PDB file of N, CA and C in Angstrom:
ATOM      1  N   UNK A   1      -2.885  49.774 -31.789  1.00  0.00           N
ATOM      2  CA  UNK A   1      -2.875  48.657 -32.720  1.00  0.00           C
ATOM      3  C   UNK A   1      -3.916  47.635 -32.242  1.00  0.00           C
ATOM      4  N   UNK A   2      -4.640  47.082 -33.169  1.00  0.00           N
ATOM      5  CA  UNK A   2      -5.667  46.102 -32.831  1.00  0.00           C
ATOM      6  C   UNK A   2      -5.054  44.759 -32.452  1.00  0.00           C
ATOM      7  N   UNK A   3      -5.752  44.083 -31.539  1.00  0.00           N
ATOM      8  CA  UNK A   3      -5.287  42.763 -31.103  1.00  0.00           C
ATOM      9  C   UNK A   3      -5.157  41.808 -32.284  1.00  0.00           C
ATOM     10  N   UNK A   4      -6.110  41.846 -33.188  1.00  0.00           N
ATOM     11  CA  UNK A   4      -6.081  40.951 -34.354  1.00  0.00           C
ATOM     12  C   UNK A   4      -4.803  41.151 -35.167  1.00  0.00           C
ATOM     13  N   UNK A   5      -4.417  42.386 -35.380  1.00  0.00           N
ATOM     14  CA  UNK A   5      -3.216  42.695 -36.153  1.00  0.00           C
ATOM     15  C   UNK A   5      -1.973  42.190 -35.429  1.00  0.00           C
ATOM     16  N   UNK A   6      -1.937  42.396 -34.111  1.00  0.00           N
ATOM     17  CA  UNK A   6      -0.782  41.949 -33.333  1.00  0.00           C
ATOM     18  C   UNK A   6      -0.660  40.425 -33.368  1.00  0.00           C
ATOM     19  N   UNK A   7      -1.782  39.727 -33.211  1.00  0.00           N
ATOM     20  CA  UNK A   7      -1.761  38.266 -33.236  1.00  0.00           C
ATOM     21  C   UNK A   7      -1.273  37.769 -34.593  1.00  0.00           C
ATOM     22  N   UNK A   8      -1.795  38.350 -35.666  1.00  0.00           N
ATOM     23  CA  UNK A   8      -1.380  37.925 -37.005  1.00  0.00           C
ATOM     24  C   UNK A   8       0.092  38.243 -37.269  1.00  0.00           C
ATOM     25  N   UNK A   9       0.581  39.376 -36.756  1.00  0.00           N
ATOM     26  CA  UNK A   9       2.001  39.711 -36.910  1.00  0.00           C
ATOM     27  C   UNK A   9       2.887  38.706 -36.176  1.00  0.00           C
ATOM     28  N   UNK A  10       2.475  38.324 -34.973  1.00  0.00           N
ATOM     29  CA  UNK A  10       3.264  37.356 -34.207  1.00  0.00           C
ATOM     30  C   UNK A  10       3.260  36.005 -34.912  1.00  0.00           C
ATOM     31  N   UNK A  11       2.099  35.581 -35.423  1.00  0.00           N
ATOM     32  CA  UNK A  11       2.027  34.307 -36.151  1.00  0.00           C
ATOM     33  C   UNK A  11       2.937  34.338 -37.374  1.00  0.00           C
ATOM     34  N   UNK A  12       2.956  35.451 -38.073  1.00  0.00           N
ATOM     35  CA  UNK A  12       3.828  35.594 -39.244  1.00  0.00           C
ATOM     36  C   UNK A  12       5.296  35.490 -38.833  1.00  0.00           C
ATOM     37  N   UNK A  13       5.653  36.128 -37.732  1.00  0.00           N
ATOM     38  CA  UNK A  13       7.022  36.052 -37.242  1.00  0.00           C
ATOM     39  C   UNK A  13       7.416  34.640 -36.845  1.00  0.00           C
ATOM     40  N   UNK A  14       6.499  33.947 -36.165  1.00  0.00           N
ATOM     41  CA  UNK A  14       6.767  32.566 -35.774  1.00  0.00           C
ATOM     42  C   UNK A  14       6.920  31.673 -36.997  1.00  0.00           C
ATOM     43  N   UNK A  15       6.112  31.916 -38.029  1.00  0.00           N
ATOM     44  CA  UNK A  15       6.252  31.148 -39.270  1.00  0.00           C
ATOM     45  C   UNK A  15       7.651  31.336 -39.859  1.00  0.00           C
ATOM     46  N   UNK A  16       8.135  32.567 -39.834  1.00  0.00           N
ATOM     47  CA  UNK A  16       9.472  32.842 -40.340  1.00  0.00           C
ATOM     48  C   UNK A  16      10.550  32.135 -39.539  1.00  0.00           C
ATOM     49  N   UNK A  17      10.390  32.139 -38.211  1.00  0.00           N
ATOM     50  CA  UNK A  17      11.353  31.442 -37.365  1.00  0.00           C
ATOM     51  C   UNK A  17      11.349  29.947 -37.656  1.00  0.00           C
ATOM     52  N   UNK A  18      10.159  29.377 -37.814  1.00  0.00           N
ATOM     53  CA  UNK A  18      10.071  27.941 -38.098  1.00  0.00           C
ATOM     54  C   UNK A  18      10.735  27.602 -39.420  1.00  0.00           C
ATOM     55  N   UNK A  19      10.568  28.465 -40.407  1.00  0.00           N
ATOM     56  CA  UNK A  19      11.220  28.223 -41.699  1.00  0.00           C
ATOM     57  C   UNK A  19      12.743  28.309 -41.563  1.00  0.00           C
ATOM     58  N   UNK A  20      13.210  29.250 -40.755  1.00  0.00           N
ATOM     59  CA  UNK A  20      14.653  29.383 -40.542  1.00  0.00           C
ATOM     60  C   UNK A  20      15.215  28.137 -39.861  1.00  0.00           C
ATOM     61  N   UNK A  21      14.515  27.663 -38.824  1.00  0.00           N
ATOM     62  CA  UNK A  21      14.961  26.431 -38.163  1.00  0.00           C
ATOM     63  C   UNK A  21      14.968  25.264 -39.146  1.00  0.00           C
ATOM     64  N   UNK A  22      13.949  25.173 -39.986  1.00  0.00           N
ATOM     65  CA  UNK A  22      13.872  24.081 -40.959  1.00  0.00           C
ATOM     66  C   UNK A  22      15.060  24.108 -41.912  1.00  0.00           C
ATOM     67  N   UNK A  23      15.564  25.291 -42.226  1.00  0.00           N
ATOM     68  CA  UNK A  23      16.718  25.417 -43.112  1.00  0.00           C
ATOM     69  C   UNK A  23      18.036  25.136 -42.388  1.00  0.00           C
ATOM     70  N   UNK A  24      18.135  25.559 -41.133  1.00  0.00           N
ATOM     71  CA  UNK A  24      19.401  25.478 -40.410  1.00  0.00           C
ATOM     72  C   UNK A  24      19.680  24.108 -39.800  1.00  0.00           C
ATOM     73  N   UNK A  25      18.678  23.498 -39.206  1.00  0.00           N
ATOM     74  CA  UNK A  25      18.898  22.263 -38.453  1.00  0.00           C
ATOM     75  C   UNK A  25      19.555  21.164 -39.286  1.00  0.00           C
ATOM     76  N   UNK A  26      19.078  20.875 -40.487  1.00  0.00           N
ATOM     77  CA  UNK A  26      19.698  19.775 -41.244  1.00  0.00           C
ATOM     78  C   UNK A  26      21.151  20.041 -41.643  1.00  0.00           C
ATOM     79  N   UNK A  27      21.568  21.305 -41.628  1.00  0.00           N
ATOM     80  CA  UNK A  27      22.918  21.655 -42.073  1.00  0.00           C
ATOM     81  C   UNK A  27      23.889  21.862 -40.920  1.00  0.00           C
ATOM     82  N   UNK A  28      23.447  21.574 -39.702  1.00  0.00           N
ATOM     83  CA  UNK A  28      24.291  21.792 -38.533  1.00  0.00           C
ATOM     84  C   UNK A  28      24.943  20.482 -38.113  1.00  0.00           C
ATOM     85  N   UNK A  29      26.256  20.469 -38.101  1.00  0.00           N
ATOM     86  CA  UNK A  29      26.987  19.258 -37.729  1.00  0.00           C
ATOM     87  C   UNK A  29      27.258  19.181 -36.236  1.00  0.00           C
ATOM     88  N   UNK A  30      27.303  20.313 -35.565  1.00  0.00           N
ATOM     89  CA  UNK A  30      27.588  20.352 -34.129  1.00  0.00           C
ATOM     90  C   UNK A  30      26.341  19.866 -33.383  1.00  0.00           C
ATOM     91  N   UNK A  31      26.450  18.680 -32.776  1.00  0.00           N
ATOM     92  CA  UNK A  31      25.285  18.022 -32.178  1.00  0.00           C
ATOM     93  C   UNK A  31      24.649  18.831 -31.057  1.00  0.00           C
ATOM     94  N   UNK A  32      25.457  19.467 -30.226  1.00  0.00           N
ATOM     95  CA  UNK A  32      24.893  20.251 -29.128  1.00  0.00           C
ATOM     96  C   UNK A  32      24.111  21.442 -29.675  1.00  0.00           C
ATOM     97  N   UNK A  33      24.675  22.108 -30.652  1.00  0.00           N
ATOM     98  CA  UNK A  33      23.982  23.234 -31.280  1.00  0.00           C
ATOM     99  C   UNK A  33      22.708  22.757 -31.965  1.00  0.00           C
ATOM    100  N   UNK A  34      22.787  21.638 -32.658  1.00  0.00           N
ATOM    101  CA  UNK A  34      21.620  21.088 -33.329  1.00  0.00           C
ATOM    102  C   UNK A  34      20.505  20.794 -32.319  1.00  0.00           C
ATOM    103  N   UNK A  35      20.862  20.210 -31.185  1.00  0.00           N
ATOM    104  CA  UNK A  35      19.873  19.895 -30.160  1.00  0.00           C
ATOM    105  C   UNK A  35      19.225  21.147 -29.580  1.00  0.00           C
ATOM    106  N   UNK A  36      20.039  22.191 -29.399  1.00  0.00           N
ATOM    107  CA  UNK A  36      19.489  23.458 -28.905  1.00  0.00           C
ATOM    108  C   UNK A  36      18.505  24.031 -29.919  1.00  0.00           C
ATOM    109  N   UNK A  37      18.868  24.002 -31.188  1.00  0.00           N
ATOM    110  CA  UNK A  37      17.974  24.521 -32.222  1.00  0.00           C
ATOM    111  C   UNK A  37      16.690  23.703 -32.307  1.00  0.00           C
ATOM    112  N   UNK A  38      16.793  22.395 -32.147  1.00  0.00           N
ATOM    113  CA  UNK A  38      15.603  21.539 -32.158  1.00  0.00           C
ATOM    114  C   UNK A  38      14.697  21.904 -30.991  1.00  0.00           C
ATOM    115  N   UNK A  39      15.277  22.125 -29.818  1.00  0.00           N
ATOM    116  CA  UNK A  39      14.477  22.537 -28.661  1.00  0.00           C
ATOM    117  C   UNK A  39      13.807  23.882 -28.906  1.00  0.00           C
ATOM    118  N   UNK A  40      14.547  24.813 -29.486  1.00  0.00           N
ATOM    119  CA  UNK A  40      13.988  26.133 -29.799  1.00  0.00           C
ATOM    120  C   UNK A  40      12.872  26.025 -30.840  1.00  0.00           C
ATOM    121  N   UNK A  41      13.088  25.180 -31.837  1.00  0.00           N
ATOM    122  CA  UNK A  41      12.058  24.969 -32.854  1.00  0.00           C
ATOM    123  C   UNK A  41      10.795  24.399 -32.228  1.00  0.00           C
ATOM    124  N   UNK A  42      10.973  23.407 -31.351  1.00  0.00           N
ATOM    125  CA  UNK A  42       9.818  22.795 -30.696  1.00  0.00           C
ATOM    126  C   UNK A  42       9.050  23.814 -29.856  1.00  0.00           C
ATOM    127  N   UNK A  43       9.776  24.671 -29.139  1.00  0.00           N
ATOM    128  CA  UNK A  43       9.125  25.720 -28.344  1.00  0.00           C
ATOM    129  C   UNK A  43       8.390  26.703 -29.252  1.00  0.00           C
ATOM    130  N   UNK A  44       9.000  27.020 -30.377  1.00  0.00           N
ATOM    131  CA  UNK A  44       8.382  27.922 -31.352  1.00  0.00           C
ATOM    132  C   UNK A  44       7.102  27.306 -31.917  1.00  0.00           C
ATOM    133  N   UNK A  45       7.161  26.011 -32.238  1.00  0.00           N
ATOM    134  CA  UNK A  45       5.976  25.317 -32.749  1.00  0.00           C
ATOM    135  C   UNK A  45       4.860  25.314 -31.715  1.00  0.00           C
ATOM    136  N   UNK A  46       5.217  25.107 -30.454  1.00  0.00           N
ATOM    137  CA  UNK A  46       4.223  25.105 -29.383  1.00  0.00           C
ATOM    138  C   UNK A  46       3.568  26.477 -29.251  1.00  0.00           C
ATOM    139  N   UNK A  47       4.379  27.525 -29.271  1.00  0.00           N
ATOM    140  CA  UNK A  47       3.844  28.888 -29.196  1.00  0.00           C
ATOM    141  C   UNK A  47       2.927  29.179 -30.373  1.00  0.00           C
ATOM    142  N   UNK A  48       3.372  28.778 -31.551  1.00  0.00           N
ATOM    143  CA  UNK A  48       2.572  28.999 -32.753  1.00  0.00           C
ATOM    144  C   UNK A  48       1.238  28.276 -32.645  1.00  0.00           C
ATOM    145  N   UNK A  49       1.277  27.042 -32.194  1.00  0.00           N
ATOM    146  CA  UNK A  49       0.060  26.238 -32.073  1.00  0.00           C
ATOM    147  C   UNK A  49      -0.929  26.873 -31.096  1.00  0.00           C
ATOM    148  N   UNK A  50      -0.426  27.323 -29.960  1.00  0.00           N
ATOM    149  CA  UNK A  50      -1.297  27.944 -28.953  1.00  0.00           C
ATOM    150  C   UNK A  50      -1.893  29.255 -29.460  1.00  0.00           C
ATOM    151  N   UNK A  51      -1.070  30.078 -30.084  1.00  0.00           N
ATOM    152  CA  UNK A  51      -1.559  31.357 -30.590  1.00  0.00           C
ATOM    153  C   UNK A  51      -2.517  31.157 -31.762  1.00  0.00           C
ATOM    154  N   UNK A  52      -2.228  30.183 -32.614  1.00  0.00           N
ATOM    155  CA  UNK A  52      -3.110  29.873 -33.745  1.00  0.00           C
ATOM    156  C   UNK A  52      -4.491  29.454 -33.243  1.00  0.00           C
ATOM    157  N   UNK A  53      -4.511  28.649 -32.179  1.00  0.00           N
ATOM    158  CA  UNK A  53      -5.782  28.211 -31.605  1.00  0.00           C
ATOM    159  C   UNK A  53      -6.579  29.410 -31.092  1.00  0.00           C
ATOM    160  N   UNK A  54      -5.909  30.323 -30.423  1.00  0.00           N
ATOM    161  CA  UNK A  54      -6.576  31.534 -29.930  1.00  0.00           C
ATOM    162  C   UNK A  54      -7.105  32.366 -31.098  1.00  0.00           C
ATOM    163  N   UNK A  55      -6.283  32.514 -32.131  1.00  0.00           N
ATOM    164  CA  UNK A  55      -6.695  33.301 -33.302  1.00  0.00           C
ATOM    165  C   UNK A  55      -7.941  32.699 -33.954  1.00  0.00           C
ATOM    166  N   UNK A  56      -7.996  31.384 -34.051  1.00  0.00           N
ATOM    167  CA  UNK A  56      -9.184  30.732 -34.628  1.00  0.00           C
ATOM    168  C   UNK A  56     -10.410  30.935 -33.744  1.00  0.00           C
ATOM    169  N   UNK A  57     -10.227  30.779 -32.429  1.00  0.00           N
ATOM    170  CA  UNK A  57     -11.344  30.932 -31.502  1.00  0.00           C
ATOM    171  C   UNK A  57     -11.927  32.340 -31.546  1.00  0.00           C
ATOM    172  N   UNK A  58     -11.074  33.343 -31.725  1.00  0.00           N
ATOM    173  CA  UNK A  58     -11.520  34.734 -31.750  1.00  0.00           C
ATOM    174  C   UNK A  58     -11.958  35.184 -33.143  1.00  0.00           C
ATOM    175  N   UNK A  59     -11.820  34.301 -34.122  1.00  0.00           N
ATOM    176  CA  UNK A  59     -12.218  34.645 -35.480  1.00  0.00           C
ATOM    177  C   UNK A  59     -11.205  35.503 -36.214  1.00  0.00           C
ATOM    178  N   UNK A  60      -9.978  35.569 -35.704  1.00  0.00           N
ATOM    179  CA  UNK A  60      -8.935  36.351 -36.352  1.00  0.00           C
ATOM    180  C   UNK A  60      -8.357  35.631 -37.555  1.00  0.00           C
ATOM    181  N   UNK A  61      -8.502  34.331 -37.578  1.00  0.00           N
ATOM    182  CA  UNK A  61      -7.969  33.531 -38.685  1.00  0.00           C
ATOM    183  C   UNK A  61      -8.990  32.476 -39.062  1.00  0.00           C
ATOM    184  N   UNK A  62      -9.311  32.428 -40.320  1.00  0.00           N
ATOM    185  CA  UNK A  62     -10.219  31.405 -40.827  1.00  0.00           C
ATOM    186  C   UNK A  62      -9.386  30.484 -41.713  1.00  0.00           C
ATOM    187  N   UNK A  63      -9.252  29.208 -41.316  1.00  0.00           N
ATOM    188  CA  UNK A  63      -8.429  28.299 -42.110  1.00  0.00           C
ATOM    189  C   UNK A  63      -9.030  28.035 -43.479  1.00  0.00           C
ATOM    190  N   UNK A  64      -8.195  27.649 -44.382  1.00  0.00           N
ATOM    191  CA  UNK A  64      -8.655  27.284 -45.726  1.00  0.00           C
ATOM    192  C   UNK A  64      -9.535  26.046 -45.637  1.00  0.00           C
ATOM    193  N   UNK A  65     -10.355  25.883 -46.653  1.00  0.00           N
ATOM    194  CA  UNK A  65     -11.206  24.689 -46.712  1.00  0.00           C
ATOM    195  C   UNK A  65     -10.319  23.453 -46.856  1.00  0.00           C
ATOM    196  N   UNK A  66     -10.806  22.359 -46.308  1.00  0.00           N
ATOM    197  CA  UNK A  66     -10.062  21.096 -46.409  1.00  0.00           C
ATOM    198  C   UNK A  66     -10.021  20.656 -47.871  1.00  0.00           C
ATOM    199  N   UNK A  67      -8.911  20.062 -48.251  1.00  0.00           N
ATOM    200  CA  UNK A  67      -8.774  19.559 -49.614  1.00  0.00           C
ATOM    201  C   UNK A  67      -9.710  18.375 -49.819  1.00  0.00           C
ATOM    202  N   UNK A  68     -10.228  18.284 -51.017  1.00  0.00           N
ATOM    203  CA  UNK A  68     -11.112  17.172 -51.360  1.00  0.00           C
ATOM    204  C   UNK A  68     -10.272  15.913 -51.589  1.00  0.00           C
ATOM    205  N   UNK A  69     -10.829  14.744 -51.290  1.00  0.00           N
ATOM    206  CA  UNK A  69     -10.071  13.489 -51.476  1.00  0.00           C
ATOM    207  C   UNK A  69      -9.507  13.332 -52.884  1.00  0.00           C
ATOM    208  N   UNK A  70     -10.261  13.755 -53.898  1.00  0.00           N
ATOM    209  CA  UNK A  70      -9.757  13.656 -55.278  1.00  0.00           C
ATOM    210  C   UNK A  70      -8.522  14.536 -55.489  1.00  0.00           C
ATOM    211  N   UNK A  71      -8.540  15.735 -54.893  1.00  0.00           N
ATOM    212  CA  UNK A  71      -7.391  16.633 -55.015  1.00  0.00           C
ATOM    213  C   UNK A  71      -6.162  16.044 -54.321  1.00  0.00           C
ATOM    214  N   UNK A  72      -6.384  15.453 -53.151  1.00  0.00           N
ATOM    215  CA  UNK A  72      -5.279  14.825 -52.419  1.00  0.00           C
ATOM    216  C   UNK A  72      -4.687  13.679 -53.231  1.00  0.00           C
ATOM    217  N   UNK A  73      -5.553  12.858 -53.800  1.00  0.00           N
ATOM    218  CA  UNK A  73      -5.093  11.726 -54.611  1.00  0.00           C
ATOM    219  C   UNK A  73      -4.303  12.217 -55.825  1.00  0.00           C
ATOM    220  N   UNK A  74      -4.749  13.308 -56.427  1.00  0.00           N
ATOM    221  CA  UNK A  74      -4.066  13.861 -57.593  1.00  0.00           C
ATOM    222  C   UNK A  74      -2.661  14.348 -57.223  1.00  0.00           C
ATOM    223  N   UNK A  75      -2.541  15.051 -56.115  1.00  0.00           N
ATOM    224  CA  UNK A  75      -1.241  15.549 -55.689  1.00  0.00           C
ATOM    225  C   UNK A  75      -0.315  14.385 -55.335  1.00  0.00           C
ATOM    226  N   UNK A  76      -0.852  13.374 -54.656  1.00  0.00           N
ATOM    227  CA  UNK A  76      -0.042  12.194 -54.336  1.00  0.00           C
ATOM    228  C   UNK A  76       0.466  11.536 -55.607  1.00  0.00           C
ATOM    229  N   UNK A  77      -0.400  11.437 -56.615  1.00  0.00           N
ATOM    230  CA  UNK A  77      -0.016  10.833 -57.875  1.00  0.00           C
ATOM    231  C   UNK A  77       1.104  11.640 -58.549  1.00  0.00           C
ATOM    232  N   UNK A  78       0.952  12.969 -58.552  1.00  0.00           N
ATOM    233  CA  UNK A  78       1.972  13.822 -59.150  1.00  0.00           C
ATOM    234  C   UNK A  78       3.296  13.715 -58.395  1.00  0.00           C
ATOM    235  N   UNK A  79       3.227  13.657 -57.083  1.00  0.00           N
ATOM    236  CA  UNK A  79       4.438  13.574 -56.267  1.00  0.00           C
ATOM    237  C   UNK A  79       5.141  12.233 -56.496  1.00  0.00           C
ATOM    238  N   UNK A  80       4.378  11.183 -56.619  1.00  0.00           N
ATOM    239  CA  UNK A  80       4.942   9.857 -56.845  1.00  0.00           C
ATOM    240  C   UNK A  80       5.665   9.790 -58.184  1.00  0.00           C
ATOM    241  N   UNK A  81       5.105  10.460 -59.171  1.00  0.00           N
ATOM    242  CA  UNK A  81       5.730  10.486 -60.509  1.00  0.00           C
ATOM    243  C   UNK A  81       6.864  11.488 -60.595  1.00  0.00           C
ATOM    244  N   UNK A  82       7.026  12.302 -59.559  1.00  0.00           N
ATOM    245  CA  UNK A  82       8.083  13.307 -59.588  1.00  0.00           C
ATOM    246  C   UNK A  82       7.714  14.522 -60.398  1.00  0.00           C
ATOM    247  N   UNK A  83       6.423  14.735 -60.610  1.00  0.00           N
ATOM    248  CA  UNK A  83       5.978  15.845 -61.443  1.00  0.00           C
ATOM    249  C   UNK A  83       5.904  17.165 -60.673  1.00  0.00           C
ATOM    250  N   UNK A  84       6.039  17.099 -59.350  1.00  0.00           N
ATOM    251  CA  UNK A  84       6.029  18.377 -58.592  1.00  0.00           C
ATOM    252  C   UNK A  84       7.264  18.472 -57.724  1.00  0.00           C
TER     253      UNK A  84
END
């Protein structure tokens, strides 16, 4: 298996874990459990950030182009009006 494929698979898995934490943490009433999940989420984010940086440096991932200021303003306007 190519390194590029493995890196992208791991990034995809980490994205899934982060989404799961985002869904679970707000619904957890047990403070100790919530704190453990927050710590795990933070560690996951750190791993994702480090691996993402490596993927960019090696050319395995090319980020999308930055949004134009007009596009950002349009989305902000829609969000403010509750249209999205």
